[in-house]
Amino acid sequence: MDPAGPAWEEHSTARVVAPTQPRKLAKVPFVELADGRLQGVVSSGSDIERVYVSSITARDHAYHCSTNNNRPCGGLRGHVCNHLRALVDEGVLQYGIDRVARYLRVDLDETATDGAALVTALRGRPEPAAAATVFSRFLHHLTYLELPATTEPLTELHWFPATVAVR
């Protein structure tokens, strides 16, 4: 390895992790491993205009689910609701079960292959979590879909170096 660091750190672009399998974006349009949590936005099964912000914290596996305007999920009654199950399932499709389990610090049986096994291994309890940050990031990601395709740098990322220094 180069003592100066990995080559990708020298560029103004970041590697994108491709999903391990195709995802159902209509049900879970946004899922990420960030801020010490598996978190994302899950569509409501009953109201097309409602979404839920769901999260599971690494280590203690505390979980939370509420609407984007902080109304608690009706299915969150001392156990993981269907929105959290959908989040875990899509997280496994996006990142793979090994990576999600490692991130959440869950010990899984070697035969575990799906999100249901991961949910079963969780030992947390419901705890309030901030939904606004996750929902804001989701909305920010949506703005990129409205931009025309280009290879030019984005204005908001102008602080990235324009060229790679030659050593």
Protein backbone atom coordinates (compact mmCIF):
# COMPACT_ATOMS: atom_id res chain seq x y z
CA MET A 1 0.00 0.00 0.00
CA ASP A 2 1.17 3.49 -0.84
CA PRO A 3 2.31 5.35 2.31
CA ALA A 4 0.43 8.41 1.12
CA GLY A 5 -2.87 6.49 1.41
CA PRO A 6 -5.23 4.72 -0.94
CA ALA A 7 -5.47 6.10 -4.46
CA TRP A 8 -9.22 6.76 -4.17
CA GLU A 9 -8.51 9.34 -1.45
CA GLU A 10 -6.67 11.41 -4.05
CA HIS A 11 -9.83 11.94 -6.15
CA SER A 12 -12.84 14.21 -5.74
CA THR A 13 -15.24 11.32 -6.19
CA ALA A 14 -16.27 8.64 -3.76
CA ARG A 15 -16.80 4.98 -4.39
CA VAL A 16 -20.45 4.00 -4.50
CA VAL A 17 -21.42 0.71 -2.95
CA ALA A 18 -23.58 -1.11 -5.45
CA PRO A 19 -26.47 -3.09 -3.98
CA THR A 20 -25.76 -6.78 -3.48
CA GLN A 21 -29.23 -7.50 -4.92
CA PRO A 22 -31.95 -5.39 -6.58
CA ARG A 23 -33.98 -3.35 -4.08
CA LYS A 24 -37.67 -2.36 -3.87
CA LEU A 25 -37.33 1.41 -3.89
CA ALA A 26 -41.10 1.95 -3.67
CA LYS A 27 -41.23 0.34 -0.22
CA VAL A 28 -37.89 1.53 1.21
CA PRO A 29 -36.61 4.41 -0.91
CA PHE A 30 -33.71 5.25 1.41
CA VAL A 31 -31.52 3.00 3.56
CA GLU A 32 -28.07 3.68 4.97
CA LEU A 33 -25.55 2.57 7.54
CA ALA A 34 -24.67 5.88 9.17
CA ASP A 35 -24.40 7.60 12.53
CA GLY A 36 -24.03 4.24 14.28
CA ARG A 37 -27.39 3.04 13.00
CA LEU A 38 -29.13 1.19 10.23
CA GLN A 39 -31.60 3.89 9.27
CA GLY A 40 -33.87 4.87 6.46
CA VAL A 41 -37.23 5.93 5.12
CA VAL A 42 -40.01 3.36 4.70
CA SER A 43 -43.25 3.97 2.82
CA SER A 44 -46.53 3.49 4.64
CA GLY A 45 -48.51 0.42 3.63
CA SER A 46 -51.81 2.24 4.09
CA ASP A 47 -51.25 5.89 3.05
CA ILE A 48 -49.28 6.77 -0.07
CA GLU A 49 -48.49 10.24 1.33
CA ARG A 50 -47.01 8.96 4.61
CA VAL A 51 -43.50 7.71 5.23
CA TYR A 52 -41.79 6.41 8.34
CA VAL A 53 -38.27 7.09 9.51
CA SER A 54 -36.95 3.90 11.08
CA SER A 55 -33.64 3.12 12.75
CA ILE A 56 -31.79 0.45 14.71
CA THR A 57 -28.76 1.49 16.76
CA ALA A 58 -25.56 -0.54 16.68
CA ARG A 59 -24.49 -2.36 19.87
CA ASP A 60 -27.60 -1.90 22.05
CA HIS A 61 -30.03 -2.44 19.13
CA ALA A 62 -32.40 0.27 20.36
CA TYR A 63 -34.99 0.83 17.66
CA HIS A 64 -37.35 3.60 16.69
CA CYS A 65 -40.00 4.19 14.07
CA SER A 66 -42.08 7.32 13.54
CA THR A 67 -43.60 9.33 10.75
CA ASN A 68 -41.52 12.07 9.20
CA ASN A 69 -43.34 14.53 11.49
CA ASN A 70 -42.49 12.50 14.63
CA ARG A 71 -45.77 10.68 15.21
CA PRO A 72 -44.95 7.26 16.67
CA CYS A 73 -45.55 4.14 14.61
CA GLY A 74 -48.69 2.30 15.70
CA GLY A 75 -47.00 -1.07 15.21
CA LEU A 76 -44.16 -0.28 17.60
CA ARG A 77 -45.51 -1.92 20.75
CA GLY A 78 -42.51 -3.39 22.53
CA HIS A 79 -41.30 -5.26 19.46
CA VAL A 80 -39.98 -4.52 15.99
CA CYS A 81 -42.71 -3.18 13.67
CA ASN A 82 -43.17 -4.06 10.00
CA HIS A 83 -41.43 -0.84 8.90
CA LEU A 84 -38.29 -1.87 10.79
CA ARG A 85 -38.51 -5.36 9.30
CA ALA A 86 -38.72 -3.84 5.80
CA LEU A 87 -35.76 -1.57 6.62
CA VAL A 88 -33.64 -4.55 7.72
CA ASP A 89 -34.65 -6.56 4.64
CA GLU A 90 -33.68 -3.73 2.29
CA GLY A 91 -30.50 -3.04 4.24
CA VAL A 92 -29.52 -6.67 3.70
CA LEU A 93 -30.26 -6.34 -0.02
CA GLN A 94 -28.25 -3.12 -0.26
CA TYR A 95 -25.22 -4.04 1.85
CA GLY A 96 -25.36 -7.81 2.38
CA ILE A 97 -26.22 -9.60 5.61
CA ASP A 98 -22.60 -9.87 6.77
CA ARG A 99 -21.95 -6.14 6.52
CA VAL A 100 -25.23 -5.16 8.23
CA ALA A 101 -24.70 -7.69 11.02
CA ARG A 102 -21.11 -6.49 11.52
CA TYR A 103 -22.23 -2.84 11.59
CA LEU A 104 -24.99 -3.50 14.11
CA ARG A 105 -22.71 -5.87 16.06
CA VAL A 106 -25.07 -8.82 15.82
CA ASP A 107 -23.80 -12.37 16.14
CA LEU A 108 -25.55 -14.48 13.53
CA ASP A 109 -25.64 -18.18 12.91
CA GLU A 110 -23.57 -19.08 9.83
CA THR A 111 -26.75 -20.29 8.11
CA ALA A 112 -28.49 -16.89 8.39
CA THR A 113 -29.18 -15.45 4.97
CA ASP A 114 -31.99 -12.94 5.35
CA GLY A 115 -33.24 -9.99 7.33
CA ALA A 116 -35.60 -12.14 9.43
CA ALA A 117 -32.63 -13.88 11.04
CA LEU A 118 -31.08 -10.50 11.78
CA VAL A 119 -34.30 -9.17 13.36
CA THR A 120 -34.54 -12.30 15.51
CA ALA A 121 -31.01 -11.71 16.81
CA LEU A 122 -31.72 -8.12 17.91
CA ARG A 123 -31.92 -7.67 21.65
CA GLY A 124 -32.92 -4.01 21.88
CA ARG A 125 -35.95 -2.10 22.96
CA PRO A 126 -37.79 0.96 21.66
CA GLU A 127 -36.02 4.27 22.31
CA PRO A 128 -36.74 7.69 20.85
CA ALA A 129 -34.43 8.75 18.04
CA ALA A 130 -34.23 11.89 15.92
CA ALA A 131 -36.06 11.33 12.66
CA ALA A 132 -35.46 14.80 11.24
CA THR A 133 -31.81 14.22 10.32
CA VAL A 134 -32.53 10.99 8.45
CA PHE A 135 -35.53 12.46 6.66
CA SER A 136 -33.54 15.57 5.72
CA ARG A 137 -30.78 13.43 4.21
CA PHE A 138 -33.37 11.48 2.25
CA LEU A 139 -34.86 14.69 0.86
CA HIS A 140 -31.38 15.95 0.02
CA HIS A 141 -30.64 12.76 -1.93
CA LEU A 142 -33.89 13.22 -3.84
CA THR A 143 -32.70 16.61 -5.11
CA TYR A 144 -29.88 14.87 -6.97
CA LEU A 145 -32.48 13.00 -9.03
CA GLU A 146 -33.76 16.31 -10.39
CA LEU A 147 -30.36 17.42 -11.68
CA PRO A 148 -29.54 16.93 -15.35
CA ALA A 149 -26.91 14.31 -16.09
CA THR A 150 -23.46 15.86 -16.30
CA THR A 151 -19.83 15.10 -15.66
CA GLU A 152 -19.20 18.65 -14.43
CA PRO A 153 -18.62 19.22 -10.70
CA LEU A 154 -21.61 20.13 -8.55
CA THR A 155 -21.53 23.64 -7.09
CA GLU A 156 -22.17 22.45 -3.54
CA LEU A 157 -19.13 20.20 -3.79
CA HIS A 158 -16.83 22.95 -5.10
CA TRP A 159 -14.48 22.60 -2.15
CA PHE A 160 -13.23 19.26 -3.49
CA PRO A 161 -9.90 19.55 -5.29
CA ALA A 162 -10.33 19.93 -9.02
CA THR A 163 -7.19 18.02 -9.91
CA VAL A 164 -5.04 15.30 -8.45
CA ALA A 165 -1.61 16.43 -7.33
CA VAL A 166 1.27 14.63 -9.05
CA ARG A 167 3.84 13.23 -6.62
